[in-house]
Amino acid sequence: MAFTFSGGVRVDEYRITNRCRIEALPAPKTVTIPLCHLEPLVQPGQTVAAGEKLAEGGEDTCPVHASVSGTVTAIIHRITPEGEDDAVVIENDMENRMHPDLAPMAKKLTEVTTDEILSVIREAGITESGKPFFLKIRGAIEKTDKLLINCCESEPFTTVAHRLMLEHPAGIINGAKILLKALGVRTAWICIDEHDTDAIQKMEDVTAGSKLFDIRLFKTKYPQSDPRQLIYAATGTEVSGTAEEWESGCITADPETCCAVYRAFAEGMPQISRIITASGDCIRKPKNLSVPLGTSLSAVITFCGGLVKKPKRILSGSVMTGYAHWDTRMPVTRTTGAVILLSDSFGRRNREAPSCIRCGKCADVCPMKLLPLYLARYAKAGKPEKALKMGALNCIECGTCTYACPAGVEITQLIRTVKLTAEREG
């Protein structure tokens, strides 16, 4: 029997890239790499190698690295997918020179300490959902007894986890072993959608005979891939929107994160690329791609054969939870899981002035058991304090309420404004 959670919705999957192997997008002539509000370590005119540190901050941050070798031409202030930030512009010399300090871990996994593992993950600049991944592991030590490898893929269009399971299962497993060692945990669940039959078979073959891994199947439902819903489905423990994962006794890791951890140990390679799905009804040839960080969205679109129609929305991240952009010069960053281009006719509801009809469907599907209609109503009325009292901060911004709303009210966006207001006001 497949695990599941309460609420959620069945969405149209549009998995048109399910059978597309991961292709390496050639490094462009220029990359623009956001510094994540860290202190730059390079200056214009300086020559850098791939994997060299561009910026570094305090002990609770992880560095940013160059994705190509070449010359720093400028440090500019610009809009990035995560907001305003400084960014390093590098002119690629096309030599792909790697930094000489990059080296694999010299010790065997049985010999390394937890602190050494955390140091490697930090120095490699590995992040998950935009946050330094080593902080998540450090916080979970001695507080968790289970590692969940989150291979569920409930977002429409995205197929990165699916392809990684088929093409790089050893990277996922070996990275998970490193995390088990760091956490002092004996068991990891490989969590997969029940309909992902070819990936299930592949992971069963790879883990056959191992006592460290269990394959567990989960209902194909959105937002099953959200860590809080995955934990609830697996253990029955609720994790609020403001709590840390490890407070449930579990911790999750994405398959791409596991692969990045393994590469950091086996090759000394920092996180200088990102695997994304480029899809939508406007792209000529949807693909799964390994993209150097700092590559522009326009370069991704060109590599996919260009456009077949004019896009109305350019989404970075995903359809349900991603951010809309208007500038194809926007760079691919460590948080970019997908690039989706949709036309004006795709999913249009034809409602110019949507108004809540109080049907309650948003409450039925909310995985956090909130009352989104009231949160949105208070946000629209300019009464954020009332929305906060009703638990607005627990909203995970999954978009199920907006998806289910027959009136077309942008509920998630309204709640997001309340949370941003609360964040600015402290």
Protein backbone atom coordinates (compact mmCIF):
# COMPACT_ATOMS: atom_id res chain seq x y z
CA MET A 1 0.00 0.00 0.00
CA ALA A 2 1.34 3.42 -0.97
CA PHE A 3 1.92 6.11 1.66
CA THR A 4 0.06 9.41 1.39
CA PHE A 5 -1.05 12.53 3.28
CA SER A 6 -4.35 14.33 3.80
CA GLY A 7 -5.37 17.01 1.30
CA GLY A 8 -3.52 17.71 -1.90
CA VAL A 9 -4.70 17.45 -5.51
CA ARG A 10 -4.15 15.32 -8.59
CA VAL A 11 -2.62 17.60 -11.22
CA ASP A 12 -2.00 17.17 -14.93
CA GLU A 13 1.58 15.92 -15.04
CA TYR A 14 2.74 16.93 -18.55
CA ARG A 15 5.79 14.67 -18.16
CA ILE A 16 6.82 15.09 -21.80
CA THR A 17 10.54 14.80 -20.90
CA ASN A 18 10.23 11.50 -19.00
CA ARG A 19 12.16 9.64 -21.69
CA CYS A 20 14.66 12.42 -22.44
CA ARG A 21 18.16 11.63 -21.20
CA ILE A 22 20.05 14.34 -19.33
CA GLU A 23 22.10 16.32 -21.85
CA ALA A 24 25.04 18.55 -21.00
CA LEU A 25 24.43 22.11 -22.19
CA PRO A 26 27.76 23.48 -23.53
CA ALA A 27 29.14 26.26 -21.36
CA PRO A 28 28.14 29.63 -22.85
CA LYS A 29 30.51 32.46 -23.75
CA THR A 30 29.47 34.40 -20.64
CA VAL A 31 28.03 33.37 -17.28
CA THR A 32 26.50 35.60 -14.62
CA ILE A 33 26.72 34.02 -11.15
CA PRO A 34 24.84 35.60 -8.21
CA LEU A 35 26.91 35.91 -5.05
CA CYS A 36 24.06 35.08 -2.62
CA HIS A 37 24.80 38.27 -0.67
CA LEU A 38 28.30 37.04 0.22
CA GLU A 39 31.57 38.95 0.15
CA PRO A 40 33.25 38.71 -3.29
CA LEU A 41 36.74 37.21 -3.41
CA VAL A 42 37.50 38.29 -7.01
CA GLN A 43 37.83 41.56 -8.89
CA PRO A 44 37.20 42.60 -12.53
CA GLY A 45 40.14 41.61 -14.71
CA GLN A 46 41.03 38.61 -12.56
CA THR A 47 41.44 35.18 -14.18
CA VAL A 48 39.53 32.34 -12.52
CA ALA A 49 39.32 28.57 -12.93
CA ALA A 50 36.21 26.41 -12.82
CA GLY A 51 35.49 25.47 -9.23
CA GLU A 52 37.34 28.48 -7.80
CA LYS A 53 35.62 30.39 -5.00
CA LEU A 54 34.00 33.64 -6.09
CA ALA A 55 32.47 34.63 -2.76
CA GLU A 56 32.41 33.49 0.84
CA GLY A 57 30.66 34.50 4.06
CA GLY A 58 30.33 33.48 7.69
CA GLU A 59 30.40 30.00 9.19
CA ASP A 60 26.67 29.48 8.54
CA THR A 61 27.01 30.12 4.81
CA CYS A 62 28.56 28.16 1.97
CA PRO A 63 30.76 29.63 -0.78
CA VAL A 64 29.88 30.36 -4.40
CA HIS A 65 32.13 28.93 -7.13
CA ALA A 66 32.93 29.70 -10.75
CA SER A 67 31.20 27.36 -13.19
CA VAL A 68 33.66 28.06 -16.03
CA SER A 69 37.24 29.20 -16.43
CA GLY A 70 37.91 32.66 -17.82
CA THR A 71 38.14 36.33 -16.90
CA VAL A 72 35.96 38.28 -14.50
CA THR A 73 34.67 41.17 -16.60
CA ALA A 74 32.39 42.84 -14.04
CA ILE A 75 30.60 42.60 -10.71
CA ILE A 76 27.10 43.94 -11.26
CA HIS A 77 23.94 44.47 -9.24
CA ARG A 78 20.94 42.86 -10.85
CA ILE A 79 17.67 41.01 -10.38
CA THR A 80 18.13 37.26 -9.87
CA PRO A 81 15.57 34.48 -9.34
CA GLU A 82 16.05 34.99 -5.58
CA GLY A 83 15.75 38.80 -5.69
CA GLU A 84 18.29 41.63 -5.98
CA ASP A 85 21.91 40.59 -5.58
CA ASP A 86 25.44 41.25 -6.77
CA ALA A 87 26.67 38.89 -9.48
CA VAL A 88 30.03 38.07 -11.03
CA VAL A 89 30.18 38.13 -14.83
CA ILE A 90 32.78 35.74 -16.28
CA GLU A 91 33.89 35.66 -19.91
CA ASN A 92 34.46 31.99 -20.69
CA ASP A 93 37.88 31.14 -22.19
CA MET A 94 36.44 27.76 -23.31
CA GLU A 95 39.45 25.93 -21.81
CA ASN A 96 37.50 24.37 -18.92
CA ARG A 97 40.49 24.72 -16.58
CA MET A 98 39.69 23.25 -13.17
CA HIS A 99 41.03 24.85 -10.00
CA PRO A 100 44.15 22.97 -8.80
CA ASP A 101 42.92 22.76 -5.19
CA LEU A 102 39.99 20.52 -6.13
CA ALA A 103 40.70 17.00 -4.93
CA PRO A 104 38.71 13.99 -3.75
CA MET A 105 38.46 13.03 -0.09
CA ALA A 106 41.66 11.17 0.76
CA LYS A 107 40.08 9.02 3.49
CA LYS A 108 37.69 6.11 3.21
CA LEU A 109 34.10 6.73 4.32
CA THR A 110 34.63 4.48 7.35
CA GLU A 111 37.50 6.73 8.48
CA VAL A 112 35.99 10.21 8.11
CA THR A 113 34.36 12.10 10.97
CA THR A 114 31.04 13.91 10.94
CA ASP A 115 32.83 17.26 11.09
CA GLU A 116 34.90 16.35 8.03
CA ILE A 117 31.77 15.40 6.11
CA LEU A 118 30.07 18.68 7.04
CA SER A 119 33.18 20.58 5.99
CA VAL A 120 33.26 18.92 2.56
CA ILE A 121 29.56 19.62 1.98
CA ARG A 122 29.97 23.24 3.05
CA GLU A 123 33.10 23.87 0.98
CA ALA A 124 31.40 22.37 -2.07
CA GLY A 125 28.69 25.03 -1.84
CA ILE A 126 25.89 22.46 -1.85
CA THR A 127 22.46 23.95 -1.23
CA GLU A 128 18.91 22.64 -1.18
CA SER A 129 15.94 24.97 -1.74
CA GLY A 130 18.42 27.85 -1.61
CA LYS A 131 19.71 27.02 1.89
CA PRO A 132 23.15 25.63 2.80
CA PHE A 133 22.65 21.87 3.02
CA PHE A 134 25.30 21.33 5.70
CA LEU A 135 23.20 23.36 8.16
CA LYS A 136 20.30 20.95 7.69
CA ILE A 137 22.54 17.95 8.35
CA ARG A 138 24.24 19.61 11.32
CA GLY A 139 20.90 20.45 12.93
CA ALA A 140 19.64 16.88 12.52
CA ILE A 141 22.59 15.09 14.15
CA GLU A 142 21.42 13.05 17.17
CA LYS A 143 17.85 14.25 16.55
CA THR A 144 16.81 11.92 13.74
CA ASP A 145 16.73 8.19 13.12
CA LYS A 146 15.61 8.06 9.49
CA LEU A 147 16.81 9.58 6.21
CA LEU A 148 14.22 9.99 3.46
CA ILE A 149 15.60 10.30 -0.08
CA ASN A 150 12.87 12.39 -1.70
CA CYS A 151 12.55 10.97 -5.23
CA CYS A 152 8.86 11.87 -5.44
CA GLU A 153 8.18 14.29 -8.28
CA SER A 154 4.70 15.77 -7.95
CA GLU A 155 5.32 19.05 -9.80
CA PRO A 156 3.99 19.20 -13.38
CA PHE A 157 6.58 19.03 -16.19
CA THR A 158 9.61 18.27 -13.97
CA THR A 159 11.44 14.97 -14.52
CA VAL A 160 14.88 15.54 -12.96
CA ALA A 161 14.48 12.99 -10.12
CA HIS A 162 13.11 10.42 -12.56
CA ARG A 163 16.07 10.72 -14.90
CA LEU A 164 18.62 10.71 -12.06
CA MET A 165 17.19 7.44 -10.76
CA LEU A 166 17.50 5.89 -14.21
CA GLU A 167 20.86 7.37 -15.23
CA HIS A 168 22.76 7.98 -11.98
CA PRO A 169 21.37 5.63 -9.33
CA ALA A 170 24.85 4.93 -7.92
CA GLY A 171 25.38 8.64 -7.30
CA ILE A 172 22.14 8.80 -5.31
CA ILE A 173 22.98 5.71 -3.26
CA ASN A 174 26.60 6.64 -2.57
CA GLY A 175 25.63 10.18 -1.59
CA ALA A 176 22.99 8.78 0.74
CA LYS A 177 25.60 6.53 2.38
CA ILE A 178 27.73 9.58 3.14
CA LEU A 179 24.73 11.33 4.71
CA LEU A 180 23.90 8.23 6.77
CA LYS A 181 27.47 8.27 8.08
CA ALA A 182 27.24 11.97 8.98
CA LEU A 183 23.90 11.55 10.74
CA GLY A 184 24.81 8.33 12.53
CA VAL A 185 21.65 6.78 11.10
CA ARG A 186 21.30 3.19 9.89
CA THR A 187 18.29 3.38 7.57
CA ALA A 188 17.34 5.38 4.49
CA TRP A 189 14.04 5.16 2.66
CA ILE A 190 14.09 5.72 -1.10
CA CYS A 191 10.72 7.44 -1.55
CA ILE A 192 9.28 7.09 -5.07
CA ASP A 193 5.91 7.77 -6.74
CA GLU A 194 3.99 4.51 -7.11
CA HIS A 195 3.46 5.12 -10.85
CA ASP A 196 7.20 5.59 -11.53
CA THR A 197 7.60 1.91 -12.36
CA ASP A 198 10.85 1.97 -14.36
CA ALA A 199 12.62 4.05 -11.70
CA ILE A 200 11.30 1.75 -8.96
CA GLN A 201 12.75 -1.26 -10.75
CA LYS A 202 16.09 0.49 -11.27
CA MET A 203 16.45 1.49 -7.63
CA GLU A 204 15.38 -1.97 -6.45
CA ASP A 205 18.11 -3.49 -8.60
CA VAL A 206 20.76 -1.10 -7.27
CA THR A 207 19.84 -1.57 -3.59
CA ALA A 208 19.23 -5.33 -3.78
CA GLY A 209 20.79 -7.06 -0.78
CA SER A 210 21.54 -3.82 1.08
CA LYS A 211 20.33 -3.45 4.66
CA LEU A 212 20.76 0.33 4.51
CA PHE A 213 17.97 1.08 2.03
CA ASP A 214 14.25 0.41 1.73
CA ILE A 215 12.20 1.31 -1.34
CA ARG A 216 8.92 2.87 -0.23
CA LEU A 217 6.12 3.86 -2.60
CA PHE A 218 4.02 7.00 -2.25
CA LYS A 219 0.75 8.10 -3.81
CA THR A 220 1.12 10.16 -6.95
CA LYS A 221 -0.41 13.38 -5.67
CA TYR A 222 0.61 17.02 -5.34
CA PRO A 223 2.43 18.23 -3.20
CA GLN A 224 3.77 14.79 -2.22
CA SER A 225 7.34 15.94 -2.93
CA ASP A 226 7.12 18.69 -0.31
CA PRO A 227 9.36 17.50 2.57
CA ARG A 228 6.68 18.12 5.22
CA GLN A 229 4.08 16.08 3.35
CA LEU A 230 6.61 13.34 2.66
CA ILE A 231 7.47 13.11 6.37
CA TYR A 232 3.79 13.08 7.35
CA ALA A 233 3.01 10.38 4.79
CA ALA A 234 5.95 8.26 5.94
CA THR A 235 5.64 8.65 9.72
CA GLY A 236 2.31 10.30 10.54
CA THR A 237 4.19 13.16 12.22
CA GLU A 238 3.09 16.69 11.31
CA VAL A 239 5.74 19.33 10.69
CA SER A 240 4.51 22.93 10.83
CA GLY A 241 5.52 25.48 8.26
CA THR A 242 7.86 27.17 10.74
CA ALA A 243 9.44 24.01 12.23
CA GLU A 244 12.60 22.22 11.15
CA GLU A 245 12.34 18.82 9.47
CA TRP A 246 14.44 17.04 12.07
CA GLU A 247 11.94 17.91 14.81
CA SER A 248 9.89 15.01 13.38
CA GLY A 249 12.74 12.54 13.82
CA CYS A 250 13.28 12.42 10.03
CA ILE A 251 15.28 14.37 7.52
CA THR A 252 14.91 14.50 3.74
CA ALA A 253 17.41 14.89 0.90
CA ASP A 254 16.78 15.29 -2.83
CA PRO A 255 18.41 12.86 -5.28
CA GLU A 256 20.37 15.68 -6.94
CA THR A 257 21.68 16.73 -3.52
CA CYS A 258 22.85 13.16 -2.88
CA CYS A 259 24.64 13.13 -6.24
CA ALA A 260 26.29 16.48 -5.45
CA VAL A 261 27.49 15.19 -2.06
CA TYR A 262 28.96 12.10 -3.71
CA ARG A 263 30.78 14.17 -6.37
CA ALA A 264 32.20 16.44 -3.67
CA PHE A 265 33.74 13.40 -1.95
CA ALA A 266 34.70 11.31 -4.96
CA GLU A 267 35.97 14.13 -7.20
CA GLY A 268 36.30 17.21 -5.01
CA MET A 269 33.80 18.87 -7.34
CA PRO A 270 31.79 21.80 -5.94
CA GLN A 271 28.24 22.59 -7.03
CA ILE A 272 28.91 24.46 -10.28
CA SER A 273 26.05 23.09 -12.36
CA ARG A 274 22.37 22.29 -11.97
CA ILE A 275 20.18 19.64 -13.59
CA ILE A 276 16.93 21.17 -14.82
CA THR A 277 13.91 20.33 -16.93
CA ALA A 278 13.28 22.79 -19.76
CA SER A 279 9.70 22.34 -20.94
CA GLY A 280 6.33 23.91 -21.66
CA ASP A 281 4.15 24.39 -24.72
CA CYS A 282 6.40 27.13 -26.13
CA ILE A 283 9.71 25.20 -26.33
CA ARG A 284 10.42 23.36 -29.55
CA LYS A 285 12.37 20.45 -28.00
CA PRO A 286 11.79 19.99 -24.24
CA LYS A 287 14.84 18.47 -22.56
CA ASN A 288 16.48 17.50 -19.27
CA LEU A 289 19.75 19.40 -19.04
CA SER A 290 22.88 19.71 -16.94
CA VAL A 291 23.49 23.46 -17.03
CA PRO A 292 26.54 25.44 -15.80
CA LEU A 293 25.44 27.90 -13.12
CA GLY A 294 25.12 31.42 -14.44
CA THR A 295 23.89 30.33 -17.88
CA SER A 296 21.10 32.59 -19.14
CA LEU A 297 17.59 31.32 -19.76
CA SER A 298 17.96 32.45 -23.37
CA ALA A 299 20.90 30.05 -23.82
CA VAL A 300 18.76 27.23 -22.42
CA ILE A 301 15.92 28.11 -24.82
CA THR A 302 18.29 28.25 -27.80
CA PHE A 303 19.77 24.84 -26.96
CA CYS A 304 16.23 23.44 -26.90
CA GLY A 305 15.60 24.58 -30.47
CA GLY A 306 14.06 27.96 -29.70
CA LEU A 307 10.38 28.82 -29.42
CA VAL A 308 7.36 27.58 -31.35
CA LYS A 309 5.09 30.29 -29.95
CA LYS A 310 5.41 33.44 -27.85
CA PRO A 311 5.52 32.69 -24.11
CA LYS A 312 3.15 34.51 -21.78
CA ARG A 313 4.89 33.19 -18.68
CA ILE A 314 8.54 32.24 -18.13
CA LEU A 315 8.70 30.25 -14.91
CA SER A 316 11.85 29.44 -12.99
CA GLY A 317 11.47 26.55 -10.55
CA SER A 318 8.12 24.99 -11.38
CA VAL A 319 4.55 25.68 -12.46
CA MET A 320 3.05 25.43 -8.98
CA THR A 321 5.67 27.08 -6.78
CA GLY A 322 8.12 28.77 -9.15
CA TYR A 323 8.62 32.44 -9.94
CA ALA A 324 7.64 34.25 -13.12
CA HIS A 325 10.31 36.18 -15.04
CA TRP A 326 10.19 38.67 -17.87
CA ASP A 327 13.87 38.70 -18.81
CA THR A 328 15.49 35.71 -20.56
CA ARG A 329 18.91 37.03 -19.48
CA MET A 330 18.03 35.73 -15.99
CA PRO A 331 20.69 33.20 -14.93
CA VAL A 332 20.23 29.61 -13.87
CA THR A 333 21.12 29.42 -10.17
CA ARG A 334 21.44 26.76 -7.49
CA THR A 335 17.67 27.01 -6.86
CA THR A 336 16.57 26.57 -10.49
CA GLY A 337 14.96 23.14 -10.80
CA ALA A 338 13.15 23.83 -14.06
CA VAL A 339 12.53 26.43 -16.77
CA ILE A 340 8.93 26.32 -18.00
CA LEU A 341 7.63 28.50 -20.83
CA LEU A 342 3.85 28.66 -21.22
CA SER A 343 1.68 30.42 -23.78
CA ASP A 344 -1.26 32.70 -23.05
CA SER A 345 -3.72 29.92 -23.84
CA PHE A 346 -2.15 27.31 -21.54
CA GLY A 347 -4.36 26.74 -18.48
CA ARG A 348 -6.15 30.08 -18.88
CA ARG A 349 -9.35 30.43 -16.85
CA ASN A 350 -10.70 33.51 -18.62
CA ARG A 351 -11.54 35.39 -15.42
CA GLU A 352 -10.61 39.07 -15.31
CA ALA A 353 -11.91 39.82 -11.80
CA PRO A 354 -11.99 36.55 -9.82
CA SER A 355 -14.02 36.54 -6.62
CA CYS A 356 -14.27 33.90 -3.90
CA ILE A 357 -17.53 31.92 -4.05
CA ARG A 358 -16.94 30.31 -0.60
CA CYS A 359 -17.08 26.76 -1.89
CA GLY A 360 -14.38 25.61 0.55
CA LYS A 361 -12.42 23.56 -1.98
CA CYS A 362 -9.20 25.36 -1.01
CA ALA A 363 -9.62 24.16 2.58
CA ASP A 364 -10.34 20.60 1.43
CA VAL A 365 -7.05 20.33 -0.48
CA CYS A 366 -4.74 22.31 1.85
CA PRO A 367 -2.09 19.83 3.08
CA MET A 368 -1.38 22.06 6.11
CA LYS A 369 -5.06 22.03 7.19
CA LEU A 370 -5.40 25.81 6.93
CA LEU A 371 -8.37 27.91 5.77
CA PRO A 372 -6.87 29.58 2.68
CA LEU A 373 -10.07 31.45 1.77
CA TYR A 374 -9.93 33.45 5.01
CA LEU A 375 -6.18 34.01 4.78
CA ALA A 376 -6.62 35.38 1.25
CA ARG A 377 -9.61 37.49 2.26
CA TYR A 378 -7.70 39.15 5.11
CA ALA A 379 -4.69 39.70 2.86
CA LYS A 380 -6.84 41.33 0.20
CA ALA A 381 -8.53 43.52 2.82
CA GLY A 382 -5.19 44.77 4.12
CA LYS A 383 -5.48 42.96 7.46
CA PRO A 384 -2.33 40.82 7.57
CA GLU A 385 -2.39 40.59 11.36
CA LYS A 386 -5.62 38.57 11.21
CA ALA A 387 -4.18 36.27 8.57
CA LEU A 388 -1.11 35.70 10.74
CA LYS A 389 -3.30 34.78 13.71
CA MET A 390 -4.98 32.14 11.55
CA GLY A 391 -1.62 30.51 10.73
CA ALA A 392 -0.49 32.20 7.51
CA LEU A 393 3.15 31.49 8.40
CA ASN A 394 2.40 27.76 8.27
CA CYS A 395 1.48 28.05 4.58
CA ILE A 396 4.08 26.21 2.48
CA GLU A 397 3.02 28.10 -0.69
CA CYS A 398 2.42 24.85 -2.58
CA GLY A 399 -0.35 26.39 -4.69
CA THR A 400 -2.92 23.62 -4.23
CA CYS A 401 -5.54 26.15 -3.10
CA THR A 402 -5.04 28.28 -6.20
CA TYR A 403 -5.11 25.20 -8.43
CA ALA A 404 -8.38 23.96 -6.89
CA CYS A 405 -10.16 27.33 -6.79
CA PRO A 406 -12.98 27.27 -9.40
CA ALA A 407 -13.17 31.08 -9.30
CA GLY A 408 -9.51 31.51 -10.25
CA VAL A 409 -8.53 33.53 -7.15
CA GLU A 410 -4.75 33.81 -6.76
CA ILE A 411 -4.91 32.60 -3.16
CA THR A 412 -1.28 31.58 -2.82
CA GLN A 413 0.00 34.94 -4.03
CA LEU A 414 -2.23 36.78 -1.56
CA ILE A 415 -0.95 34.66 1.34
CA ARG A 416 2.61 35.15 0.13
CA THR A 417 2.21 38.94 0.47
CA VAL A 418 1.20 38.48 4.12
CA LYS A 419 4.29 36.37 4.81
CA LEU A 420 6.58 38.86 3.05
CA THR A 421 5.07 41.70 5.09
CA ALA A 422 5.65 39.76 8.31
CA GLU A 423 9.25 39.00 7.26
CA ARG A 424 10.01 42.68 6.51
CA GLU A 425 8.51 43.81 9.80
CA GLY A 426 10.33 41.14 11.75
